[in-house]
Amino acid sequence: AERENYREIRRLVAAYHREYGDDVTFIPGAYFANAYNTRDQVDRDLHEGRARVCARRAAGWAARDYLAGRGLPSGRDAYAALKILAGLPGLAPDLRQAAVDLTRTVGPDFSLPDGVDLIQAAAKLIGGL
């Protein structure tokens, strides 16, 4: 039953994304996280997760502004704008890599590949556009 609950939550989150066209954050286990970690560790984990989400969204908004300012389609949301930007001809290689990194999917343990820092990628992209 627990797995079915998570499947239903994922379906609901996807429906919200389709209906409202915005990013949705779901942190499974966060409600009960204190049962498994110290308060300080939970605070660090949640802060890091929020920082990642904020970095992606800020970079996505910058990408939308950049694309719109050039008369290009910017997509439906921040994520789509980053995907479009990553494929834009003529974009500097370091900015393209930042856009690619910002659209990476986290693993089941919410980790990213080694060397990928979304906050640094967002700062590079925003500063470079």
Protein backbone atom coordinates (compact mmCIF):
# COMPACT_ATOMS: atom_id res chain seq x y z
CA ALA A 1 0.00 0.00 0.00
CA GLU A 2 2.86 2.40 0.74
CA ARG A 3 4.27 2.12 -2.77
CA GLU A 4 0.81 2.69 -4.22
CA ASN A 5 0.50 5.84 -2.10
CA TYR A 6 3.76 7.16 -3.52
CA ARG A 7 2.64 6.29 -7.06
CA GLU A 8 -0.58 8.21 -6.47
CA ILE A 9 1.32 11.20 -5.08
CA ARG A 10 3.61 11.22 -8.15
CA ARG A 11 0.55 11.09 -10.44
CA LEU A 12 -1.03 13.97 -8.52
CA VAL A 13 2.14 16.09 -8.65
CA ALA A 14 2.43 15.48 -12.41
CA ALA A 15 -1.22 16.49 -12.84
CA TYR A 16 -0.60 19.73 -10.93
CA HIS A 17 2.39 20.44 -13.15
CA ARG A 18 0.32 19.87 -16.31
CA GLU A 19 -2.63 21.89 -15.02
CA TYR A 20 -0.81 24.86 -13.52
CA GLY A 21 2.40 24.81 -15.58
CA ASP A 22 4.72 25.41 -12.66
CA ASP A 23 7.40 23.43 -10.87
CA VAL A 24 6.24 21.24 -8.00
CA THR A 25 8.51 19.97 -5.26
CA PHE A 26 7.74 16.76 -3.42
CA ILE A 27 10.15 15.52 -0.77
CA PRO A 28 9.18 11.96 0.14
CA GLY A 29 9.89 11.14 3.74
CA ALA A 30 10.49 14.76 4.73
CA TYR A 31 7.47 14.79 7.01
CA PHE A 32 8.89 11.93 9.07
CA ALA A 33 12.55 12.76 8.55
CA ASN A 34 13.17 13.54 12.22
CA ALA A 35 12.51 9.92 13.06
CA TYR A 36 15.62 8.93 11.09
CA ASN A 37 18.11 11.81 11.47
CA THR A 38 19.12 14.47 13.93
CA ARG A 39 17.34 17.81 13.79
CA ASP A 40 20.51 19.46 12.48
CA GLN A 41 20.87 16.90 9.70
CA VAL A 42 17.23 17.26 8.70
CA ASP A 43 17.62 21.05 8.63
CA ARG A 44 20.72 20.74 6.43
CA ASP A 45 19.02 18.28 4.07
CA LEU A 46 15.88 20.37 3.69
CA HIS A 47 17.87 23.58 3.28
CA GLU A 48 19.97 21.97 0.54
CA GLY A 49 16.84 20.72 -1.23
CA ARG A 50 15.19 24.12 -1.09
CA ALA A 51 18.38 25.79 -2.32
CA ARG A 52 18.52 23.42 -5.31
CA VAL A 53 14.90 24.14 -6.21
CA CYS A 54 15.43 27.89 -5.89
CA ALA A 55 18.60 27.74 -7.99
CA ARG A 56 16.83 25.87 -10.79
CA ARG A 57 13.86 28.20 -10.78
CA ALA A 58 15.96 31.37 -10.73
CA ALA A 59 18.08 30.08 -13.60
CA GLY A 60 14.93 29.08 -15.48
CA TRP A 61 13.46 32.55 -15.09
CA ALA A 62 16.72 34.05 -16.34
CA ALA A 63 16.61 31.65 -19.31
CA ARG A 64 13.01 32.67 -20.07
CA ASP A 65 13.95 36.35 -19.99
CA TYR A 66 16.98 35.74 -22.19
CA LEU A 67 14.98 33.79 -24.77
CA ALA A 68 12.02 36.17 -24.73
CA GLY A 69 14.34 39.15 -25.14
CA ARG A 70 15.54 37.62 -28.40
CA GLY A 71 12.05 36.85 -29.65
CA LEU A 72 12.52 33.11 -29.13
CA PRO A 73 9.98 30.75 -27.57
CA SER A 74 10.78 30.24 -23.91
CA GLY A 75 8.61 27.25 -23.11
CA ARG A 76 5.85 26.75 -20.62
CA ASP A 77 7.91 26.87 -17.42
CA ALA A 78 11.40 27.42 -16.02
CA TYR A 79 12.50 23.85 -16.75
CA ALA A 80 11.39 24.06 -20.38
CA ALA A 81 13.26 27.33 -20.80
CA LEU A 82 16.45 25.70 -19.50
CA LYS A 83 16.01 22.78 -21.93
CA ILE A 84 15.50 25.19 -24.84
CA LEU A 85 18.50 27.27 -23.76
CA ALA A 86 20.71 24.16 -23.52
CA GLY A 87 20.00 23.44 -27.19
CA LEU A 88 20.36 27.01 -28.42
CA PRO A 89 22.97 27.37 -31.19
CA GLY A 90 25.73 29.84 -30.42
CA LEU A 91 25.42 29.65 -26.63
CA ALA A 92 28.80 29.69 -24.89
CA PRO A 93 29.89 26.15 -23.93
CA ASP A 94 30.10 26.93 -20.20
CA LEU A 95 26.57 28.37 -20.22
CA ARG A 96 25.29 25.38 -22.18
CA GLN A 97 26.85 23.02 -19.62
CA ALA A 98 25.27 25.01 -16.78
CA ALA A 99 21.85 24.72 -18.47
CA VAL A 100 22.36 20.98 -18.99
CA ASP A 101 23.38 20.52 -15.35
CA LEU A 102 20.32 22.45 -14.18
CA THR A 103 18.03 20.04 -16.05
CA ARG A 104 19.61 16.87 -14.68
CA THR A 105 17.41 14.46 -12.78
CA VAL A 106 18.43 13.55 -9.26
CA GLY A 107 18.93 9.91 -8.34
CA PRO A 108 16.65 7.94 -6.02
CA ASP A 109 18.65 9.25 -3.07
CA PHE A 110 18.30 12.86 -4.36
CA SER A 111 21.97 12.97 -5.37
CA LEU A 112 23.44 14.48 -8.51
CA PRO A 113 26.46 13.23 -10.46
CA ASP A 114 29.83 14.13 -8.96
CA GLY A 115 30.91 17.65 -9.76
CA VAL A 116 27.39 18.98 -10.41
CA ASP A 117 26.49 21.87 -8.13
CA LEU A 118 23.17 23.44 -9.05
CA ILE A 119 23.79 26.61 -7.09
CA GLN A 120 27.10 27.24 -8.89
CA ALA A 121 25.51 26.31 -12.24
CA ALA A 122 22.66 28.77 -11.63
CA ALA A 123 25.07 31.56 -10.67
CA LYS A 124 27.19 30.91 -13.80
CA LEU A 125 24.14 30.88 -16.06
CA ILE A 126 22.47 33.94 -14.57
CA GLY A 127 25.74 35.90 -14.55
CA GLY A 128 26.59 34.84 -18.11
CA LEU A 129 23.29 35.65 -19.75
